[in-house]
Amino acid sequence: MTVPISGPISGPISGPISGPISGRPLRLGSRKSPMAITQSRQVADMLTQRTGRRVEIVGVTTLGDVSRDQLTQIGGTGVFVSALREALLGGEVDLAVHSLKDLPAGPAAGIALAAVPPRDDPRDALVAREGAKLADLPAGARIGTGSPRRAAQLLGLRAEPGDRR
């Protein structure tokens, strides 16, 4: 059963959900990381407040969670969401929560982006010696990140002329 919801989750979600999932808790798929569980609990609470339905969080292990290989070697964007998509399509969960910044840009057949909760503070944190800011770091400083998007943003901000990394 598909329940189309449009707009941000902070907007009204109304009307009863009927069909095969109406008598049981909604099963919300989530990665098992502490951050993913926290985000999923927030969404579950919002859904319960707006619909009166209980929501249970179902932990899903993704390739990105278990592989020790570099992200680019195991497939890049999508390795943390593919198992969630499979759980949705296979009926193991009714809905899923995943960080929008980490979703592949293209749509997935049979799955809709139904809602986006209000955004929290979007700033990343830089942990550096003596509280240095990004602008304070010397040319050639090395910054560690596992995110290809953050790496591209950093290179765009700090690339040396002629640098084609």
N, C-alpha and C. Protein backbone atom coordinates (compact mmCIF):
# COMPACT_ATOMS: atom_id res chain seq x y z
N MET A 1 0.84 -1.17 0.00
CA MET A 1 0.00 0.00 0.00
C MET A 1 0.88 1.23 0.00
N THR A 2 0.56 2.23 -0.79
CA THR A 2 1.30 3.47 -0.85
C THR A 2 0.46 4.57 -0.23
N VAL A 3 1.06 5.31 0.68
CA VAL A 3 0.38 6.44 1.30
C VAL A 3 1.11 7.69 0.84
N PRO A 4 0.57 8.41 -0.14
CA PRO A 4 1.29 9.59 -0.61
C PRO A 4 1.21 10.72 0.41
N ILE A 5 2.36 11.25 0.78
CA ILE A 5 2.46 12.39 1.67
C ILE A 5 3.36 13.39 0.96
N SER A 6 2.93 14.63 0.86
CA SER A 6 3.79 15.61 0.22
C SER A 6 4.06 16.74 1.17
N GLY A 7 5.13 17.43 0.94
CA GLY A 7 5.49 18.57 1.76
C GLY A 7 6.29 18.13 2.98
N PRO A 8 6.74 19.12 3.77
CA PRO A 8 7.56 18.79 4.94
C PRO A 8 6.76 18.08 6.01
N ILE A 9 7.45 17.25 6.77
CA ILE A 9 6.77 16.49 7.81
C ILE A 9 6.24 17.41 8.90
N SER A 10 6.77 18.63 8.98
CA SER A 10 6.28 19.56 9.99
C SER A 10 4.88 20.06 9.64
N GLY A 11 4.47 19.87 8.41
CA GLY A 11 3.12 20.24 7.99
C GLY A 11 2.14 19.18 8.44
N PRO A 12 0.87 19.39 8.16
CA PRO A 12 -0.13 18.45 8.66
C PRO A 12 -0.06 17.09 7.96
N ILE A 13 -0.10 16.05 8.75
CA ILE A 13 -0.27 14.70 8.24
C ILE A 13 -1.60 14.27 8.83
N SER A 14 -2.57 14.10 7.98
CA SER A 14 -3.89 13.82 8.52
C SER A 14 -4.56 12.68 7.79
N GLY A 15 -5.63 12.20 8.37
CA GLY A 15 -6.39 11.14 7.74
C GLY A 15 -5.90 9.79 8.19
N PRO A 16 -6.80 8.85 8.35
CA PRO A 16 -6.41 7.51 8.79
C PRO A 16 -5.68 6.77 7.69
N ILE A 17 -4.77 5.92 8.09
CA ILE A 17 -4.11 5.03 7.14
C ILE A 17 -4.88 3.73 7.20
N SER A 18 -5.38 3.30 6.06
CA SER A 18 -6.18 2.07 6.06
C SER A 18 -5.50 1.02 5.19
N GLY A 19 -5.98 -0.17 5.29
CA GLY A 19 -5.40 -1.25 4.51
C GLY A 19 -4.64 -2.19 5.42
N PRO A 20 -3.74 -3.00 4.84
CA PRO A 20 -3.09 -4.06 5.61
C PRO A 20 -2.21 -3.57 6.75
N ILE A 21 -1.76 -2.32 6.74
CA ILE A 21 -0.88 -1.86 7.81
C ILE A 21 -1.62 -1.05 8.88
N SER A 22 -2.95 -0.92 8.79
CA SER A 22 -3.67 -0.03 9.70
C SER A 22 -3.75 -0.54 11.13
N GLY A 23 -3.70 -1.83 11.38
CA GLY A 23 -3.89 -2.34 12.72
C GLY A 23 -2.61 -2.59 13.50
N ARG A 24 -1.49 -2.39 12.92
CA ARG A 24 -0.23 -2.67 13.60
C ARG A 24 0.65 -1.42 13.59
N PRO A 25 1.72 -1.44 14.38
CA PRO A 25 2.62 -0.28 14.36
C PRO A 25 3.26 -0.12 12.98
N LEU A 26 3.54 1.11 12.60
CA LEU A 26 4.30 1.35 11.38
C LEU A 26 5.73 0.92 11.64
N ARG A 27 6.33 0.25 10.66
CA ARG A 27 7.72 -0.19 10.78
C ARG A 27 8.59 0.79 10.01
N LEU A 28 9.45 1.49 10.75
CA LEU A 28 10.31 2.53 10.17
C LEU A 28 11.73 1.98 10.08
N GLY A 29 12.24 1.84 8.86
CA GLY A 29 13.59 1.34 8.65
C GLY A 29 14.62 2.43 8.90
N SER A 30 15.72 2.04 9.55
CA SER A 30 16.78 2.98 9.88
C SER A 30 18.10 2.24 9.92
N ARG A 31 19.17 2.93 9.52
CA ARG A 31 20.49 2.38 9.80
C ARG A 31 20.63 2.29 11.31
N LYS A 32 21.59 1.50 11.78
CA LYS A 32 21.73 1.25 13.21
C LYS A 32 22.69 2.21 13.91
N SER A 33 23.28 3.14 13.19
CA SER A 33 24.21 4.06 13.82
C SER A 33 23.48 4.95 14.83
N PRO A 34 24.18 5.43 15.85
CA PRO A 34 23.53 6.29 16.83
C PRO A 34 22.85 7.53 16.20
N MET A 35 23.50 8.15 15.22
CA MET A 35 22.91 9.31 14.58
C MET A 35 21.64 8.93 13.81
N ALA A 36 21.68 7.83 13.08
CA ALA A 36 20.50 7.41 12.31
C ALA A 36 19.34 7.05 13.24
N ILE A 37 19.63 6.36 14.33
CA ILE A 37 18.57 5.99 15.28
C ILE A 37 17.97 7.25 15.91
N THR A 38 18.80 8.22 16.24
CA THR A 38 18.29 9.48 16.81
C THR A 38 17.38 10.19 15.83
N GLN A 39 17.80 10.29 14.57
CA GLN A 39 16.97 10.93 13.54
C GLN A 39 15.67 10.16 13.36
N SER A 40 15.75 8.85 13.35
CA SER A 40 14.57 8.03 13.15
C SER A 40 13.59 8.15 14.31
N ARG A 41 14.12 8.23 15.53
CA ARG A 41 13.24 8.41 16.70
C ARG A 41 12.49 9.74 16.61
N GLN A 42 13.19 10.79 16.13
CA GLN A 42 12.54 12.10 16.00
C GLN A 42 11.39 12.01 14.99
N VAL A 43 11.62 11.34 13.87
CA VAL A 43 10.58 11.20 12.85
C VAL A 43 9.46 10.31 13.38
N ALA A 44 9.80 9.23 14.07
CA ALA A 44 8.79 8.34 14.65
C ALA A 44 7.89 9.12 15.62
N ASP A 45 8.50 9.95 16.45
CA ASP A 45 7.72 10.76 17.40
C ASP A 45 6.79 11.72 16.67
N MET A 46 7.29 12.37 15.61
CA MET A 46 6.45 13.28 14.83
C MET A 46 5.27 12.54 14.19
N LEU A 47 5.55 11.37 13.64
CA LEU A 47 4.48 10.58 13.02
C LEU A 47 3.43 10.16 14.04
N THR A 48 3.88 9.71 15.21
CA THR A 48 2.94 9.30 16.26
C THR A 48 2.10 10.48 16.72
N GLN A 49 2.74 11.64 16.91
CA GLN A 49 2.00 12.83 17.33
C GLN A 49 0.93 13.23 16.32
N ARG A 50 1.24 13.10 15.05
CA ARG A 50 0.32 13.58 14.01
C ARG A 50 -0.71 12.56 13.58
N THR A 51 -0.41 11.27 13.77
CA THR A 51 -1.34 10.24 13.29
C THR A 51 -1.93 9.39 14.40
N GLY A 52 -1.32 9.41 15.58
CA GLY A 52 -1.78 8.54 16.66
C GLY A 52 -1.28 7.11 16.54
N ARG A 53 -0.55 6.80 15.48
CA ARG A 53 -0.04 5.43 15.24
C ARG A 53 1.27 5.21 15.98
N ARG A 54 1.44 4.01 16.52
CA ARG A 54 2.73 3.62 17.08
C ARG A 54 3.69 3.37 15.93
N VAL A 55 4.95 3.68 16.16
CA VAL A 55 5.98 3.46 15.16
C VAL A 55 7.12 2.69 15.82
N GLU A 56 7.50 1.58 15.21
CA GLU A 56 8.64 0.82 15.72
C GLU A 56 9.80 0.97 14.74
N ILE A 57 10.98 1.14 15.28
CA ILE A 57 12.17 1.32 14.44
C ILE A 57 12.80 -0.05 14.19
N VAL A 58 13.03 -0.34 12.92
CA VAL A 58 13.64 -1.60 12.50
C VAL A 58 15.05 -1.28 12.00
N GLY A 59 16.05 -1.80 12.71
CA GLY A 59 17.44 -1.56 12.31
C GLY A 59 17.79 -2.34 11.06
N VAL A 60 18.45 -1.67 10.12
CA VAL A 60 18.86 -2.29 8.86
C VAL A 60 20.38 -2.10 8.72
N THR A 61 21.07 -3.17 8.41
CA THR A 61 22.51 -3.10 8.19
C THR A 61 22.78 -2.93 6.70
N THR A 62 23.59 -1.93 6.36
CA THR A 62 23.89 -1.64 4.96
C THR A 62 25.33 -2.04 4.64
N LEU A 63 25.65 -2.13 3.37
CA LEU A 63 27.01 -2.45 2.93
C LEU A 63 27.99 -1.42 3.49
N GLY A 64 27.60 -0.16 3.50
CA GLY A 64 28.46 0.88 4.03
C GLY A 64 28.77 0.70 5.51
N ASP A 65 27.87 0.05 6.24
CA ASP A 65 28.07 -0.18 7.67
C ASP A 65 29.08 -1.30 7.95
N VAL A 66 29.15 -2.28 7.09
CA VAL A 66 29.97 -3.46 7.38
C VAL A 66 31.28 -3.52 6.59
N SER A 67 31.38 -2.80 5.50
CA SER A 67 32.59 -2.85 4.69
C SER A 67 33.68 -1.97 5.29
N ARG A 68 34.90 -2.43 5.22
CA ARG A 68 36.06 -1.65 5.67
C ARG A 68 36.74 -0.96 4.48
N ASP A 69 36.23 -1.20 3.27
CA ASP A 69 36.81 -0.57 2.09
C ASP A 69 36.44 0.90 2.02
N GLN A 70 37.21 1.65 1.24
CA GLN A 70 36.89 3.07 1.06
C GLN A 70 35.54 3.19 0.37
N LEU A 71 34.82 4.24 0.70
CA LEU A 71 33.49 4.48 0.15
C LEU A 71 33.49 4.45 -1.37
N THR A 72 34.49 5.06 -1.99
CA THR A 72 34.54 5.09 -3.45
C THR A 72 34.76 3.71 -4.05
N GLN A 73 35.39 2.80 -3.30
CA GLN A 73 35.66 1.45 -3.80
C GLN A 73 34.42 0.55 -3.73
N ILE A 74 33.50 0.83 -2.82
CA ILE A 74 32.33 -0.04 -2.68
C ILE A 74 31.09 0.53 -3.34
N GLY A 75 31.23 1.65 -4.02
CA GLY A 75 30.09 2.15 -4.77
C GLY A 75 29.72 3.59 -4.52
N GLY A 76 30.36 4.24 -3.55
CA GLY A 76 30.08 5.67 -3.32
C GLY A 76 28.67 5.91 -2.82
N THR A 77 28.09 7.00 -3.30
CA THR A 77 26.75 7.38 -2.86
C THR A 77 25.77 6.23 -3.08
N GLY A 78 25.02 5.89 -2.07
CA GLY A 78 24.03 4.83 -2.19
C GLY A 78 24.34 3.60 -1.38
N VAL A 79 25.61 3.41 -0.95
CA VAL A 79 25.93 2.18 -0.22
C VAL A 79 25.30 2.15 1.16
N PHE A 80 24.93 3.31 1.70
CA PHE A 80 24.28 3.34 3.00
C PHE A 80 22.77 3.28 2.89
N VAL A 81 22.24 3.44 1.69
CA VAL A 81 20.78 3.47 1.53
C VAL A 81 20.23 2.27 0.78
N SER A 82 21.06 1.53 0.08
CA SER A 82 20.56 0.43 -0.76
C SER A 82 19.80 -0.62 0.05
N ALA A 83 20.29 -0.99 1.22
CA ALA A 83 19.59 -2.00 2.03
C ALA A 83 18.26 -1.46 2.55
N LEU A 84 18.19 -0.15 2.83
CA LEU A 84 16.92 0.46 3.24
C LEU A 84 15.92 0.39 2.09
N ARG A 85 16.38 0.68 0.89
CA ARG A 85 15.50 0.60 -0.29
C ARG A 85 14.99 -0.83 -0.48
N GLU A 86 15.89 -1.80 -0.33
CA GLU A 86 15.48 -3.20 -0.49
C GLU A 86 14.46 -3.60 0.57
N ALA A 87 14.65 -3.11 1.80
CA ALA A 87 13.70 -3.43 2.88
C ALA A 87 12.33 -2.82 2.58
N LEU A 88 12.31 -1.62 2.03
CA LEU A 88 11.05 -0.99 1.64
C LEU A 88 10.35 -1.78 0.55
N LEU A 89 11.09 -2.06 -0.51
CA LEU A 89 10.51 -2.76 -1.65
C LEU A 89 10.11 -4.18 -1.30
N GLY A 90 10.81 -4.81 -0.34
CA GLY A 90 10.50 -6.17 0.06
C GLY A 90 9.42 -6.26 1.13
N GLY A 91 8.90 -5.11 1.57
CA GLY A 91 7.83 -5.11 2.56
C GLY A 91 8.29 -5.35 3.99
N GLU A 92 9.60 -5.35 4.24
CA GLU A 92 10.10 -5.54 5.60
C GLU A 92 9.83 -4.31 6.47
N VAL A 93 9.79 -3.14 5.85
CA VAL A 93 9.48 -1.89 6.55
C VAL A 93 8.45 -1.13 5.72
N ASP A 94 7.72 -0.23 6.40
CA ASP A 94 6.69 0.56 5.73
C ASP A 94 7.22 1.89 5.23
N LEU A 95 8.23 2.40 5.90
CA LEU A 95 8.87 3.66 5.54
C LEU A 95 10.28 3.63 6.08
N ALA A 96 11.11 4.56 5.64
CA ALA A 96 12.51 4.59 6.08
C ALA A 96 12.96 6.03 6.24
N VAL A 97 13.95 6.20 7.11
CA VAL A 97 14.56 7.51 7.32
C VAL A 97 16.03 7.39 6.93
N HIS A 98 16.51 8.37 6.18
CA HIS A 98 17.92 8.43 5.81
C HIS A 98 18.29 9.88 5.57
N SER A 99 19.53 10.23 5.86
CA SER A 99 19.98 11.61 5.66
C SER A 99 19.87 11.98 4.19
N LEU A 100 19.17 13.06 3.92
CA LEU A 100 18.96 13.51 2.54
C LEU A 100 20.28 13.80 1.83
N LYS A 101 21.26 14.30 2.57
CA LYS A 101 22.54 14.63 1.96
C LYS A 101 23.25 13.40 1.41
N ASP A 102 22.91 12.23 1.90
CA ASP A 102 23.56 11.00 1.47
C ASP A 102 22.76 10.16 0.48
N LEU A 103 21.59 10.66 0.06
CA LEU A 103 20.80 9.92 -0.92
C LEU A 103 21.34 10.15 -2.32
N PRO A 104 21.31 9.12 -3.16
CA PRO A 104 21.65 9.33 -4.57
C PRO A 104 20.69 10.37 -5.17
N ALA A 105 21.19 11.13 -6.13
CA ALA A 105 20.39 12.21 -6.71
C ALA A 105 19.21 11.69 -7.53
N GLY A 106 19.34 10.52 -8.12
CA GLY A 106 18.28 9.98 -8.97
C GLY A 106 17.19 9.29 -8.18
N PRO A 107 16.00 9.19 -8.75
CA PRO A 107 14.90 8.51 -8.06
C PRO A 107 15.09 6.99 -8.05
N ALA A 108 14.40 6.33 -7.16
CA ALA A 108 14.41 4.87 -7.09
C ALA A 108 13.03 4.38 -7.47
N ALA A 109 12.96 3.46 -8.41
CA ALA A 109 11.67 2.93 -8.86
C ALA A 109 10.90 2.33 -7.69
N GLY A 110 9.65 2.72 -7.55
CA GLY A 110 8.78 2.18 -6.52
C GLY A 110 8.89 2.86 -5.17
N ILE A 111 9.76 3.86 -5.05
CA ILE A 111 9.96 4.55 -3.78
C ILE A 111 9.81 6.05 -4.01
N ALA A 112 9.11 6.70 -3.08
CA ALA A 112 8.93 8.16 -3.18
C ALA A 112 9.54 8.83 -1.96
N LEU A 113 10.15 9.98 -2.19
CA LEU A 113 10.59 10.83 -1.09
C LEU A 113 9.32 11.52 -0.60
N ALA A 114 8.80 11.06 0.54
CA ALA A 114 7.47 11.48 0.99
C ALA A 114 7.49 12.71 1.86
N ALA A 115 8.55 12.93 2.63
CA ALA A 115 8.57 14.06 3.55
C ALA A 115 10.00 14.37 3.95
N VAL A 116 10.21 15.62 4.32
CA VAL A 116 11.51 16.08 4.81
C VAL A 116 11.26 16.84 6.11
N PRO A 117 11.80 16.36 7.23
CA PRO A 117 11.58 17.08 8.48
C PRO A 117 12.33 18.41 8.48
N PRO A 118 11.99 19.29 9.42
CA PRO A 118 12.70 20.57 9.49
C PRO A 118 14.20 20.32 9.66
N ARG A 119 15.00 21.13 9.01
CA ARG A 119 16.44 20.95 9.05
C ARG A 119 17.01 21.43 10.38
N ASP A 120 17.94 20.66 10.90
CA ASP A 120 18.65 21.05 12.10
C ASP A 120 19.81 21.95 11.67
N ASP A 121 20.68 22.28 12.57
CA ASP A 121 21.83 23.13 12.26
C ASP A 121 22.65 22.46 11.16
N PRO A 122 22.82 23.11 10.01
CA PRO A 122 23.48 22.46 8.87
C PRO A 122 25.01 22.53 8.91
N ARG A 123 25.58 23.21 9.88
CA ARG A 123 27.03 23.38 9.89
C ARG A 123 27.74 22.10 10.28
N ASP A 124 28.84 21.82 9.57
CA ASP A 124 29.72 20.73 9.96
C ASP A 124 30.68 21.25 11.00
N ALA A 125 31.40 20.36 11.63
CA ALA A 125 32.39 20.75 12.62
C ALA A 125 33.78 20.43 12.11
N LEU A 126 34.71 21.33 12.36
CA LEU A 126 36.11 21.09 12.06
C LEU A 126 36.80 20.94 13.40
N VAL A 127 37.49 19.83 13.59
CA VAL A 127 38.24 19.60 14.81
C VAL A 127 39.70 19.78 14.44
N ALA A 128 40.31 20.83 14.99
CA ALA A 128 41.70 21.16 14.64
C ALA A 128 42.47 21.56 15.90
N ARG A 129 43.78 21.45 15.82
CA ARG A 129 44.62 21.85 16.95
C ARG A 129 44.39 23.32 17.29
N GLU A 130 44.37 23.58 18.56
CA GLU A 130 44.29 24.95 19.08
C GLU A 130 43.07 25.71 18.56
N GLY A 131 42.01 24.98 18.17
CA GLY A 131 40.78 25.64 17.76
C GLY A 131 40.87 26.38 16.43
N ALA A 132 41.81 25.98 15.57
CA ALA A 132 41.98 26.66 14.28
C ALA A 132 40.71 26.56 13.45
N LYS A 133 40.43 27.59 12.70
CA LYS A 133 39.32 27.61 11.76
C LYS A 133 39.84 27.18 10.39
N LEU A 134 38.92 26.82 9.49
CA LEU A 134 39.30 26.38 8.15
C LEU A 134 40.20 27.42 7.47
N ALA A 135 39.83 28.69 7.58
CA ALA A 135 40.61 29.76 6.94
C ALA A 135 42.01 29.89 7.55
N ASP A 136 42.21 29.39 8.80
CA ASP A 136 43.50 29.51 9.48
C ASP A 136 44.49 28.43 9.06
N LEU A 137 44.00 27.36 8.45
CA LEU A 137 44.88 26.24 8.11
C LEU A 137 45.85 26.65 7.00
N PRO A 138 47.10 26.22 7.11
CA PRO A 138 48.08 26.59 6.09
C PRO A 138 47.83 25.88 4.76
N ALA A 139 48.36 26.42 3.70
CA ALA A 139 48.27 25.77 2.39
C ALA A 139 48.87 24.37 2.52
N GLY A 140 48.22 23.39 1.92
CA GLY A 140 48.70 22.02 1.96
C GLY A 140 48.28 21.24 3.19
N ALA A 141 47.51 21.88 4.09
CA ALA A 141 47.03 21.17 5.28
C ALA A 141 46.16 20.00 4.83
N ARG A 142 46.20 18.92 5.60
CA ARG A 142 45.42 17.73 5.27
C ARG A 142 44.20 17.66 6.17
N ILE A 143 43.04 17.44 5.57
CA ILE A 143 41.79 17.33 6.31
C ILE A 143 41.19 15.96 6.00
N GLY A 144 40.85 15.23 7.03
CA GLY A 144 40.29 13.89 6.85
C GLY A 144 38.77 13.94 6.82
N THR A 145 38.18 13.26 5.85
CA THR A 145 36.74 13.10 5.77
C THR A 145 36.44 11.84 4.98
N GLY A 146 35.36 11.17 5.31
CA GLY A 146 34.93 10.00 4.55
C GLY A 146 33.87 10.35 3.53
N SER A 147 33.51 11.63 3.46
CA SER A 147 32.44 12.06 2.57
C SER A 147 32.98 12.63 1.26
N PRO A 148 32.65 12.00 0.13
CA PRO A 148 33.10 12.56 -1.15
C PRO A 148 32.56 13.98 -1.38
N ARG A 149 31.35 14.27 -0.89
CA ARG A 149 30.81 15.61 -1.07
C ARG A 149 31.59 16.63 -0.27
N ARG A 150 31.93 16.30 0.97
CA ARG A 150 32.73 17.24 1.77
C ARG A 150 34.11 17.42 1.16
N ALA A 151 34.71 16.34 0.68
CA ALA A 151 36.03 16.44 0.04
C ALA A 151 35.96 17.38 -1.17
N ALA A 152 34.92 17.24 -1.98
CA ALA A 152 34.76 18.12 -3.15
C ALA A 152 34.57 19.57 -2.72
N GLN A 153 33.78 19.78 -1.66
CA GLN A 153 33.57 21.15 -1.17
C GLN A 153 34.88 21.75 -0.66
N LEU A 154 35.65 20.95 0.08
CA LEU A 154 36.93 21.45 0.59
C LEU A 154 37.89 21.77 -0.55
N LEU A 155 37.95 20.89 -1.53
CA LEU A 155 38.82 21.15 -2.68
C LEU A 155 38.38 22.40 -3.42
N GLY A 156 37.09 22.61 -3.53
CA GLY A 156 36.59 23.82 -4.18
C GLY A 156 36.95 25.07 -3.43
N LEU A 157 36.97 24.98 -2.12
CA LEU A 157 37.31 26.14 -1.30
C LEU A 157 38.81 26.40 -1.23
N ARG A 158 39.60 25.32 -1.20
CA ARG A 158 41.01 25.47 -0.89
C ARG A 158 41.95 24.95 -1.97
N ALA A 159 41.46 24.63 -3.15
CA ALA A 159 42.33 24.07 -4.19
C ALA A 159 43.36 25.07 -4.63
N GLU A 160 44.55 24.56 -4.85
CA GLU A 160 45.64 25.38 -5.39
C GLU A 160 45.38 25.60 -6.88
N PRO A 161 45.82 26.71 -7.45
CA PRO A 161 45.66 26.91 -8.89
C PRO A 161 46.25 25.74 -9.66
N GLY A 162 45.51 25.20 -10.59
CA GLY A 162 45.96 24.08 -11.41
C GLY A 162 45.77 22.72 -10.76
N ASP A 163 45.27 22.69 -9.53
CA ASP A 163 45.02 21.42 -8.83
C ASP A 163 43.80 20.74 -9.45
N ARG A 164 43.95 19.50 -9.92
CA ARG A 164 42.87 18.79 -10.60
C ARG A 164 42.47 17.52 -9.86
N ARG A 165 42.67 17.45 -8.58
CA ARG A 165 42.34 16.22 -7.83
C ARG A 165 40.91 15.89 -7.93
